[in-house]
Amino acid sequence: MQQIEIEDPPAALAWPYAAILLGELLALGHLVATSRGRPPLSYELGWLGFGSMLVMQLYSIRRRVRALRAFGSLRAWLDLHVFLGLQGFVLVAYHSVGISPRASLAAINFALVATVVGTGVVGRYLYRLIPRTPGSHALELAGRLGAGWTVLHRPLAILLLAITTLHILAHFAYAV
């Protein structure tokens, strides 16, 4: 039987990660507010957001490969995963400033990014609210909720990768 690492996640994102995200939000918000039309570096930061979301997938590998346990706690990897996901969302949102809300590939892609990030936040922070009192069935409940949540989050993340790939290919195919 496989042994599973279980760590109780902290209530909030670690302060260095939160500070970086706040700084990025302030800087990018300023660029959006002061630019006319498409803000500067929007394509480059879209690529950076995509890269952030790719790197965050290392958490899934760390969870499953026992040999990687020496490379940090699961909690630290989860914190990095959450940070990179939120950072990716911020950068992709900046990249998406000015896209039409009609059902284009870019709009669908952004909506899917927002949905995957939203399900990630729900899974990360609502799991924390489950009481863990002696004699309760909270751990069993948490396992069932976690299994149900991953049925939604993982397929959406895979779909996001597919739609993002199409978005990138379409950009290069139709770019002028």
N, C-alpha and C. Protein backbone atom coordinates (compact mmCIF):
# COMPACT_ATOMS: atom_id res chain seq x y z
N MET A 1 0.85 -1.19 0.00
CA MET A 1 0.00 0.00 0.00
C MET A 1 0.89 1.24 0.00
N GLN A 2 0.54 2.23 -0.82
CA GLN A 2 1.31 3.45 -0.95
C GLN A 2 1.06 4.36 0.24
N GLN A 3 2.15 4.89 0.80
CA GLN A 3 2.03 5.83 1.91
C GLN A 3 1.83 7.23 1.34
N ILE A 4 0.85 7.96 1.87
CA ILE A 4 0.52 9.28 1.37
C ILE A 4 1.00 10.32 2.37
N GLU A 5 1.66 11.37 1.86
CA GLU A 5 2.07 12.48 2.70
C GLU A 5 0.86 13.38 2.93
N ILE A 6 0.56 13.66 4.17
CA ILE A 6 -0.54 14.57 4.49
C ILE A 6 0.01 15.69 5.34
N GLU A 7 -0.14 16.90 4.85
CA GLU A 7 0.28 18.06 5.60
C GLU A 7 -0.87 19.04 5.63
N ASP A 8 -1.10 19.64 6.78
CA ASP A 8 -2.15 20.63 6.92
C ASP A 8 -1.65 21.93 6.32
N PRO A 9 -2.30 22.45 5.28
CA PRO A 9 -1.81 23.67 4.65
C PRO A 9 -2.00 24.88 5.55
N PRO A 10 -1.11 25.86 5.44
CA PRO A 10 -1.28 27.07 6.24
C PRO A 10 -2.50 27.85 5.76
N ALA A 11 -2.97 28.76 6.60
CA ALA A 11 -4.20 29.50 6.31
C ALA A 11 -4.03 30.50 5.17
N ALA A 12 -2.84 31.01 4.97
CA ALA A 12 -2.64 32.04 3.94
C ALA A 12 -1.36 31.76 3.18
N LEU A 13 -1.24 32.42 2.05
CA LEU A 13 -0.04 32.32 1.24
C LEU A 13 1.11 32.97 2.00
N ALA A 14 2.30 32.38 1.93
CA ALA A 14 3.47 32.90 2.63
C ALA A 14 3.70 34.36 2.24
N TRP A 15 4.12 35.18 3.19
CA TRP A 15 4.22 36.63 2.96
C TRP A 15 5.14 37.01 1.80
N PRO A 16 6.28 36.33 1.56
CA PRO A 16 7.07 36.75 0.40
C PRO A 16 6.30 36.59 -0.92
N TYR A 17 5.57 35.49 -1.03
CA TYR A 17 4.77 35.27 -2.23
C TYR A 17 3.68 36.33 -2.35
N ALA A 18 3.01 36.59 -1.24
CA ALA A 18 1.94 37.60 -1.25
C ALA A 18 2.50 38.98 -1.60
N ALA A 19 3.68 39.31 -1.09
CA ALA A 19 4.30 40.61 -1.38
C ALA A 19 4.65 40.72 -2.87
N ILE A 20 5.18 39.65 -3.44
CA ILE A 20 5.52 39.66 -4.87
C ILE A 20 4.26 39.86 -5.70
N LEU A 21 3.20 39.11 -5.37
CA LEU A 21 1.95 39.25 -6.11
C LEU A 21 1.38 40.66 -6.00
N LEU A 22 1.41 41.22 -4.80
CA LEU A 22 0.91 42.58 -4.60
C LEU A 22 1.71 43.57 -5.43
N GLY A 23 3.04 43.43 -5.42
CA GLY A 23 3.89 44.31 -6.22
C GLY A 23 3.59 44.19 -7.71
N GLU A 24 3.40 42.96 -8.18
CA GLU A 24 3.06 42.75 -9.59
C GLU A 24 1.71 43.38 -9.92
N LEU A 25 0.73 43.18 -9.04
CA LEU A 25 -0.59 43.77 -9.27
C LEU A 25 -0.53 45.29 -9.35
N LEU A 26 0.22 45.90 -8.44
CA LEU A 26 0.34 47.36 -8.43
C LEU A 26 1.05 47.87 -9.68
N ALA A 27 2.16 47.23 -10.04
CA ALA A 27 2.91 47.67 -11.22
C ALA A 27 2.11 47.48 -12.51
N LEU A 28 1.50 46.32 -12.66
CA LEU A 28 0.74 46.05 -13.88
C LEU A 28 -0.54 46.88 -13.93
N GLY A 29 -1.16 47.07 -12.79
CA GLY A 29 -2.34 47.94 -12.74
C GLY A 29 -2.00 49.36 -13.15
N HIS A 30 -0.84 49.85 -12.72
CA HIS A 30 -0.39 51.18 -13.13
C HIS A 30 -0.17 51.25 -14.64
N LEU A 31 0.44 50.21 -15.20
CA LEU A 31 0.67 50.19 -16.65
C LEU A 31 -0.66 50.18 -17.43
N VAL A 32 -1.62 49.43 -16.94
CA VAL A 32 -2.93 49.39 -17.61
C VAL A 32 -3.60 50.76 -17.51
N ALA A 33 -3.54 51.36 -16.33
CA ALA A 33 -4.21 52.65 -16.11
C ALA A 33 -3.58 53.78 -16.92
N THR A 34 -2.28 53.71 -17.17
CA THR A 34 -1.59 54.82 -17.84
C THR A 34 -1.38 54.59 -19.34
N SER A 35 -1.71 53.43 -19.82
CA SER A 35 -1.50 53.19 -21.26
C SER A 35 -2.79 53.38 -22.02
N ARG A 36 -2.64 53.73 -23.26
CA ARG A 36 -3.80 53.85 -24.16
C ARG A 36 -3.77 52.63 -25.05
N GLY A 37 -4.88 51.91 -25.08
CA GLY A 37 -4.91 50.69 -25.88
C GLY A 37 -4.22 49.54 -25.15
N ARG A 38 -3.56 48.71 -25.91
CA ARG A 38 -2.89 47.54 -25.34
C ARG A 38 -1.68 47.99 -24.52
N PRO A 39 -1.57 47.54 -23.27
CA PRO A 39 -0.44 47.97 -22.43
C PRO A 39 0.88 47.38 -22.92
N PRO A 40 2.00 47.99 -22.53
CA PRO A 40 3.31 47.50 -22.98
C PRO A 40 3.64 46.11 -22.43
N LEU A 41 4.41 45.38 -23.18
CA LEU A 41 4.91 44.04 -22.80
C LEU A 41 3.81 43.02 -22.56
N SER A 42 2.63 43.24 -23.12
CA SER A 42 1.54 42.31 -22.85
C SER A 42 1.80 40.92 -23.43
N TYR A 43 2.41 40.84 -24.59
CA TYR A 43 2.71 39.52 -25.16
C TYR A 43 3.79 38.82 -24.35
N GLU A 44 4.83 39.56 -24.00
CA GLU A 44 5.94 38.97 -23.23
C GLU A 44 5.47 38.47 -21.87
N LEU A 45 4.61 39.25 -21.22
CA LEU A 45 4.12 38.83 -19.92
C LEU A 45 3.10 37.70 -20.04
N GLY A 46 2.43 37.61 -21.18
CA GLY A 46 1.59 36.44 -21.44
C GLY A 46 2.43 35.17 -21.49
N TRP A 47 3.57 35.26 -22.16
CA TRP A 47 4.49 34.11 -22.20
C TRP A 47 5.00 33.77 -20.81
N LEU A 48 5.33 34.80 -20.03
CA LEU A 48 5.80 34.57 -18.66
C LEU A 48 4.72 33.91 -17.81
N GLY A 49 3.48 34.34 -18.00
CA GLY A 49 2.36 33.72 -17.28
C GLY A 49 2.20 32.26 -17.67
N PHE A 50 2.33 31.98 -18.96
CA PHE A 50 2.27 30.59 -19.44
C PHE A 50 3.39 29.77 -18.82
N GLY A 51 4.59 30.34 -18.78
CA GLY A 51 5.73 29.65 -18.16
C GLY A 51 5.51 29.38 -16.69
N SER A 52 4.95 30.36 -15.99
CA SER A 52 4.65 30.21 -14.57
C SER A 52 3.69 29.05 -14.35
N MET A 53 2.68 28.96 -15.22
CA MET A 53 1.70 27.88 -15.08
C MET A 53 2.28 26.52 -15.47
N LEU A 54 3.25 26.52 -16.35
CA LEU A 54 3.91 25.24 -16.67
C LEU A 54 4.79 24.77 -15.51
N VAL A 55 5.58 25.69 -14.95
CA VAL A 55 6.49 25.34 -13.86
C VAL A 55 5.71 24.88 -12.63
N MET A 56 4.52 25.44 -12.42
CA MET A 56 3.74 25.05 -11.24
C MET A 56 3.35 23.58 -11.26
N GLN A 57 3.38 22.96 -12.44
CA GLN A 57 3.03 21.54 -12.55
C GLN A 57 4.07 20.62 -11.91
N LEU A 58 5.23 21.16 -11.58
CA LEU A 58 6.24 20.36 -10.89
C LEU A 58 5.73 19.85 -9.54
N TYR A 59 4.78 20.58 -8.95
CA TYR A 59 4.17 20.13 -7.70
C TYR A 59 3.52 18.76 -7.87
N SER A 60 2.83 18.56 -8.98
CA SER A 60 2.18 17.27 -9.23
C SER A 60 3.20 16.14 -9.33
N ILE A 61 4.34 16.45 -9.94
CA ILE A 61 5.41 15.45 -10.03
C ILE A 61 5.98 15.18 -8.65
N ARG A 62 6.24 16.24 -7.88
CA ARG A 62 6.79 16.09 -6.52
C ARG A 62 5.88 15.23 -5.64
N ARG A 63 4.57 15.41 -5.78
CA ARG A 63 3.61 14.64 -4.97
C ARG A 63 3.69 13.15 -5.27
N ARG A 64 3.98 12.80 -6.50
CA ARG A 64 3.90 11.40 -6.92
C ARG A 64 5.22 10.64 -6.91
N VAL A 65 6.34 11.36 -6.97
CA VAL A 65 7.64 10.70 -7.06
C VAL A 65 8.32 10.71 -5.69
N ARG A 66 8.40 9.54 -5.10
CA ARG A 66 8.96 9.43 -3.74
C ARG A 66 10.40 9.89 -3.67
N ALA A 67 11.16 9.70 -4.73
CA ALA A 67 12.57 10.09 -4.72
C ALA A 67 12.76 11.59 -4.57
N LEU A 68 11.73 12.37 -4.84
CA LEU A 68 11.84 13.83 -4.75
C LEU A 68 11.53 14.38 -3.36
N ARG A 69 11.25 13.51 -2.42
CA ARG A 69 10.94 13.98 -1.06
C ARG A 69 12.09 14.75 -0.43
N ALA A 70 13.30 14.48 -0.88
CA ALA A 70 14.46 15.17 -0.33
C ALA A 70 14.54 16.62 -0.80
N PHE A 71 13.73 16.98 -1.78
CA PHE A 71 13.77 18.33 -2.35
C PHE A 71 12.72 19.26 -1.77
N GLY A 72 12.44 19.13 -0.50
CA GLY A 72 11.53 20.04 0.17
C GLY A 72 10.23 19.38 0.57
N SER A 73 9.57 20.03 1.51
CA SER A 73 8.31 19.51 2.02
C SER A 73 7.20 19.69 1.00
N LEU A 74 6.19 18.86 1.11
CA LEU A 74 5.04 18.97 0.23
C LEU A 74 4.34 20.32 0.42
N ARG A 75 4.33 20.81 1.64
CA ARG A 75 3.72 22.12 1.92
C ARG A 75 4.45 23.23 1.16
N ALA A 76 5.78 23.20 1.15
CA ALA A 76 6.54 24.22 0.43
C ALA A 76 6.25 24.14 -1.07
N TRP A 77 6.16 22.93 -1.59
CA TRP A 77 5.85 22.75 -3.01
C TRP A 77 4.43 23.24 -3.32
N LEU A 78 3.49 22.97 -2.41
CA LEU A 78 2.12 23.43 -2.62
C LEU A 78 2.07 24.95 -2.59
N ASP A 79 2.79 25.56 -1.67
CA ASP A 79 2.84 27.03 -1.62
C ASP A 79 3.39 27.60 -2.92
N LEU A 80 4.45 26.99 -3.45
CA LEU A 80 5.02 27.43 -4.71
C LEU A 80 4.02 27.23 -5.85
N HIS A 81 3.32 26.10 -5.84
CA HIS A 81 2.30 25.79 -6.84
C HIS A 81 1.21 26.87 -6.83
N VAL A 82 0.72 27.21 -5.66
CA VAL A 82 -0.34 28.22 -5.53
C VAL A 82 0.18 29.58 -5.99
N PHE A 83 1.38 29.94 -5.54
CA PHE A 83 1.96 31.22 -5.95
C PHE A 83 2.11 31.31 -7.46
N LEU A 84 2.69 30.28 -8.06
CA LEU A 84 2.90 30.31 -9.51
C LEU A 84 1.57 30.34 -10.27
N GLY A 85 0.56 29.65 -9.75
CA GLY A 85 -0.75 29.69 -10.38
C GLY A 85 -1.37 31.08 -10.30
N LEU A 86 -1.28 31.71 -9.13
CA LEU A 86 -1.81 33.07 -8.99
C LEU A 86 -1.01 34.07 -9.82
N GLN A 87 0.31 33.91 -9.82
CA GLN A 87 1.16 34.78 -10.63
C GLN A 87 0.84 34.60 -12.11
N GLY A 88 0.69 33.36 -12.53
CA GLY A 88 0.33 33.09 -13.92
C GLY A 88 -0.99 33.77 -14.27
N PHE A 89 -1.95 33.69 -13.37
CA PHE A 89 -3.25 34.34 -13.61
C PHE A 89 -3.09 35.85 -13.75
N VAL A 90 -2.32 36.47 -12.85
CA VAL A 90 -2.12 37.92 -12.91
C VAL A 90 -1.48 38.30 -14.25
N LEU A 91 -0.46 37.55 -14.66
CA LEU A 91 0.24 37.88 -15.91
C LEU A 91 -0.64 37.63 -17.13
N VAL A 92 -1.41 36.56 -17.11
CA VAL A 92 -2.32 36.27 -18.23
C VAL A 92 -3.45 37.29 -18.27
N ALA A 93 -3.92 37.72 -17.11
CA ALA A 93 -4.97 38.76 -17.07
C ALA A 93 -4.43 40.05 -17.69
N TYR A 94 -3.19 40.40 -17.36
CA TYR A 94 -2.57 41.59 -17.96
C TYR A 94 -2.45 41.41 -19.47
N HIS A 95 -2.02 40.25 -19.89
CA HIS A 95 -1.89 39.93 -21.31
C HIS A 95 -3.25 40.06 -22.02
N SER A 96 -4.31 39.76 -21.30
CA SER A 96 -5.66 39.72 -21.89
C SER A 96 -6.38 41.06 -21.87
N VAL A 97 -5.76 42.09 -21.33
CA VAL A 97 -6.42 43.41 -21.30
C VAL A 97 -6.76 43.82 -22.73
N GLY A 98 -8.01 44.14 -22.92
CA GLY A 98 -8.45 44.62 -24.22
C GLY A 98 -8.99 43.55 -25.15
N ILE A 99 -8.98 42.27 -24.74
CA ILE A 99 -9.57 41.27 -25.63
C ILE A 99 -11.08 41.41 -25.61
N SER A 100 -11.67 41.03 -26.68
CA SER A 100 -13.12 41.11 -26.79
C SER A 100 -13.77 40.04 -25.91
N PRO A 101 -14.84 40.39 -25.22
CA PRO A 101 -15.51 39.38 -24.39
C PRO A 101 -16.33 38.37 -25.19
N ARG A 102 -16.43 38.58 -26.52
CA ARG A 102 -17.18 37.61 -27.32
C ARG A 102 -16.45 36.27 -27.31
N ALA A 103 -17.11 35.26 -27.74
CA ALA A 103 -16.58 33.90 -27.65
C ALA A 103 -15.47 33.65 -28.68
N SER A 104 -14.33 34.23 -28.43
CA SER A 104 -13.16 33.96 -29.26
C SER A 104 -12.29 32.95 -28.51
N LEU A 105 -11.31 32.41 -29.20
CA LEU A 105 -10.41 31.45 -28.56
C LEU A 105 -9.68 32.10 -27.38
N ALA A 106 -9.26 33.35 -27.56
CA ALA A 106 -8.56 34.06 -26.48
C ALA A 106 -9.47 34.26 -25.27
N ALA A 107 -10.72 34.64 -25.50
CA ALA A 107 -11.66 34.86 -24.40
C ALA A 107 -11.99 33.55 -23.69
N ILE A 108 -12.17 32.49 -24.46
CA ILE A 108 -12.44 31.17 -23.85
C ILE A 108 -11.23 30.72 -23.04
N ASN A 109 -10.05 30.94 -23.58
CA ASN A 109 -8.82 30.57 -22.88
C ASN A 109 -8.71 31.30 -21.54
N PHE A 110 -8.97 32.62 -21.56
CA PHE A 110 -8.89 33.38 -20.32
C PHE A 110 -9.94 32.93 -19.32
N ALA A 111 -11.16 32.67 -19.79
CA ALA A 111 -12.21 32.19 -18.89
C ALA A 111 -11.82 30.85 -18.26
N LEU A 112 -11.17 30.00 -19.02
CA LEU A 112 -10.72 28.72 -18.50
C LEU A 112 -9.59 28.90 -17.50
N VAL A 113 -8.67 29.83 -17.77
CA VAL A 113 -7.61 30.14 -16.79
C VAL A 113 -8.24 30.58 -15.48
N ALA A 114 -9.21 31.48 -15.56
CA ALA A 114 -9.88 31.98 -14.35
C ALA A 114 -10.59 30.84 -13.61
N THR A 115 -11.20 29.93 -14.34
CA THR A 115 -11.91 28.81 -13.72
C THR A 115 -10.94 27.86 -13.03
N VAL A 116 -9.84 27.54 -13.68
CA VAL A 116 -8.86 26.63 -13.08
C VAL A 116 -8.24 27.28 -11.84
N VAL A 117 -7.91 28.55 -11.92
CA VAL A 117 -7.36 29.24 -10.74
C VAL A 117 -8.41 29.28 -9.63
N GLY A 118 -9.64 29.55 -9.99
CA GLY A 118 -10.72 29.57 -8.98
C GLY A 118 -10.90 28.23 -8.30
N THR A 119 -10.92 27.15 -9.08
CA THR A 119 -11.06 25.83 -8.44
C THR A 119 -9.83 25.49 -7.61
N GLY A 120 -8.67 25.99 -8.03
CA GLY A 120 -7.46 25.77 -7.23
C GLY A 120 -7.53 26.47 -5.89
N VAL A 121 -7.99 27.71 -5.90
CA VAL A 121 -8.13 28.48 -4.65
C VAL A 121 -9.15 27.80 -3.73
N VAL A 122 -10.26 27.38 -4.30
CA VAL A 122 -11.29 26.70 -3.50
C VAL A 122 -10.70 25.42 -2.89
N GLY A 123 -10.05 24.63 -3.70
CA GLY A 123 -9.47 23.39 -3.20
C GLY A 123 -8.41 23.61 -2.15
N ARG A 124 -7.61 24.64 -2.31
CA ARG A 124 -6.50 24.92 -1.39
C ARG A 124 -6.97 25.46 -0.05
N TYR A 125 -7.91 26.40 -0.09
CA TYR A 125 -8.27 27.08 1.14
C TYR A 125 -9.52 26.54 1.83
N LEU A 126 -10.46 25.98 1.12
CA LEU A 126 -11.61 25.39 1.79
C LEU A 126 -11.24 24.08 2.49
N TYR A 127 -10.28 23.36 1.95
CA TYR A 127 -9.79 22.14 2.59
C TYR A 127 -9.30 22.47 4.00
N ARG A 128 -8.73 23.63 4.17
CA ARG A 128 -8.20 24.08 5.46
C ARG A 128 -9.31 24.25 6.51
N LEU A 129 -10.53 24.53 6.06
CA LEU A 129 -11.62 24.81 6.99
C LEU A 129 -12.24 23.56 7.61
N ILE A 130 -11.86 22.38 7.11
CA ILE A 130 -12.42 21.14 7.66
C ILE A 130 -11.83 20.92 9.05
N PRO A 131 -12.68 20.81 10.07
CA PRO A 131 -12.16 20.63 11.44
C PRO A 131 -11.47 19.27 11.59
N ARG A 132 -10.38 19.29 12.34
CA ARG A 132 -9.63 18.06 12.60
C ARG A 132 -9.56 17.84 14.11
N THR A 133 -10.67 17.39 14.67
CA THR A 133 -10.74 17.14 16.10
C THR A 133 -10.57 15.66 16.37
N PRO A 134 -10.02 15.31 17.51
CA PRO A 134 -9.84 13.89 17.83
C PRO A 134 -11.18 13.15 17.80
N GLY A 135 -11.19 12.02 17.16
CA GLY A 135 -12.39 11.19 17.09
C GLY A 135 -13.33 11.57 15.96
N SER A 136 -13.06 12.67 15.25
CA SER A 136 -13.94 13.04 14.15
C SER A 136 -13.54 12.30 12.89
N HIS A 137 -14.37 12.36 11.93
CA HIS A 137 -14.08 11.72 10.65
C HIS A 137 -13.61 12.76 9.64
N ALA A 138 -12.97 13.81 10.16
CA ALA A 138 -12.58 14.93 9.30
C ALA A 138 -11.57 14.50 8.24
N LEU A 139 -10.61 13.65 8.62
CA LEU A 139 -9.61 13.24 7.64
C LEU A 139 -10.24 12.43 6.51
N GLU A 140 -11.19 11.56 6.88
CA GLU A 140 -11.92 10.79 5.86
C GLU A 140 -12.74 11.73 4.98
N LEU A 141 -13.41 12.70 5.60
CA LEU A 141 -14.18 13.69 4.85
C LEU A 141 -13.27 14.50 3.93
N ALA A 142 -12.12 14.91 4.45
CA ALA A 142 -11.17 15.68 3.64
C ALA A 142 -10.70 14.85 2.45
N GLY A 143 -10.46 13.56 2.64
CA GLY A 143 -10.06 12.70 1.53
C GLY A 143 -11.12 12.59 0.47
N ARG A 144 -12.38 12.45 0.90
CA ARG A 144 -13.49 12.37 -0.07
C ARG A 144 -13.67 13.69 -0.81
N LEU A 145 -13.60 14.82 -0.07
CA LEU A 145 -13.72 16.12 -0.72
C LEU A 145 -12.57 16.36 -1.68
N GLY A 146 -11.38 15.97 -1.26
CA GLY A 146 -10.21 16.14 -2.12
C GLY A 146 -10.34 15.33 -3.40
N ALA A 147 -10.82 14.10 -3.28
CA ALA A 147 -11.00 13.26 -4.47
C ALA A 147 -12.05 13.86 -5.39
N GLY A 148 -13.14 14.37 -4.83
CA GLY A 148 -14.18 14.99 -5.65
C GLY A 148 -13.71 16.27 -6.31
N TRP A 149 -12.93 17.06 -5.58
CA TRP A 149 -12.42 18.31 -6.12
C TRP A 149 -11.45 18.06 -7.28
N THR A 150 -10.59 17.07 -7.15
CA THR A 150 -9.62 16.80 -8.21
C THR A 150 -10.30 16.30 -9.48
N VAL A 151 -11.50 15.70 -9.33
CA VAL A 151 -12.26 15.28 -10.51
C VAL A 151 -12.62 16.50 -11.36
N LEU A 152 -12.76 17.65 -10.75
CA LEU A 152 -13.05 18.88 -11.47
C LEU A 152 -11.77 19.62 -11.87
N HIS A 153 -10.86 19.82 -10.94
CA HIS A 153 -9.68 20.66 -11.15
C HIS A 153 -8.71 20.08 -12.17
N ARG A 154 -8.39 18.82 -12.05
CA ARG A 154 -7.40 18.21 -12.97
C ARG A 154 -7.85 18.20 -14.42
N PRO A 155 -9.06 17.73 -14.72
CA PRO A 155 -9.47 17.76 -16.13
C PRO A 155 -9.53 19.18 -16.70
N LEU A 156 -9.96 20.13 -15.87
CA LEU A 156 -9.98 21.52 -16.34
C LEU A 156 -8.56 22.01 -16.64
N ALA A 157 -7.60 21.61 -15.81
CA ALA A 157 -6.21 22.01 -16.04
C ALA A 157 -5.68 21.39 -17.34
N ILE A 158 -6.05 20.16 -17.62
CA ILE A 158 -5.63 19.51 -18.86
C ILE A 158 -6.29 20.19 -20.06
N LEU A 159 -7.58 20.50 -19.93
CA LEU A 159 -8.28 21.22 -20.99
C LEU A 159 -7.65 22.59 -21.21
N LEU A 160 -7.27 23.25 -20.13
CA LEU A 160 -6.60 24.54 -20.23
C LEU A 160 -5.31 24.43 -21.03
N LEU A 161 -4.53 23.41 -20.78
CA LEU A 161 -3.29 23.21 -21.53
C LEU A 161 -3.59 23.05 -23.02
N ALA A 162 -4.62 22.29 -23.34
CA ALA A 162 -4.99 22.07 -24.75
C ALA A 162 -5.45 23.38 -25.40
N ILE A 163 -6.32 24.13 -24.73
CA ILE A 163 -6.84 25.38 -25.29
C ILE A 163 -5.72 26.41 -25.41
N THR A 164 -4.83 26.46 -24.42
CA THR A 164 -3.70 27.39 -24.48
C THR A 164 -2.79 27.05 -25.65
N THR A 165 -2.56 25.76 -25.86
CA THR A 165 -1.75 25.34 -27.00
C THR A 165 -2.40 25.79 -28.31
N LEU A 166 -3.71 25.62 -28.43
CA LEU A 166 -4.42 26.09 -29.62
C LEU A 166 -4.32 27.61 -29.77
N HIS A 167 -4.44 28.32 -28.65
CA HIS A 167 -4.34 29.78 -28.66
C HIS A 167 -2.96 30.21 -29.19
N ILE A 168 -1.92 29.57 -28.72
CA ILE A 168 -0.56 29.90 -29.14
C ILE A 168 -0.37 29.57 -30.63
N LEU A 169 -0.81 28.38 -31.03
CA LEU A 169 -0.69 27.99 -32.44
C LEU A 169 -1.47 28.93 -33.35
N ALA A 170 -2.68 29.33 -32.92
CA ALA A 170 -3.48 30.25 -33.71
C ALA A 170 -2.79 31.61 -33.82
N HIS A 171 -2.16 32.04 -32.75
CA HIS A 171 -1.45 33.32 -32.79
C HIS A 171 -0.36 33.28 -33.86
N PHE A 172 0.43 32.23 -33.87
CA PHE A 172 1.50 32.14 -34.86
C PHE A 172 0.98 31.89 -36.26
N ALA A 173 -0.11 31.18 -36.38
CA ALA A 173 -0.67 30.90 -37.70
C ALA A 173 -1.31 32.14 -38.34
N TYR A 174 -1.92 33.00 -37.50
CA TYR A 174 -2.67 34.12 -38.05
C TYR A 174 -2.05 35.47 -37.73
N ALA A 175 -0.89 35.50 -37.08
CA ALA A 175 -0.26 36.76 -36.74
C ALA A 175 0.18 37.48 -38.01
N VAL A 176 0.02 38.77 -38.00
CA VAL A 176 0.39 39.55 -39.18
C VAL A 176 1.76 40.14 -38.99
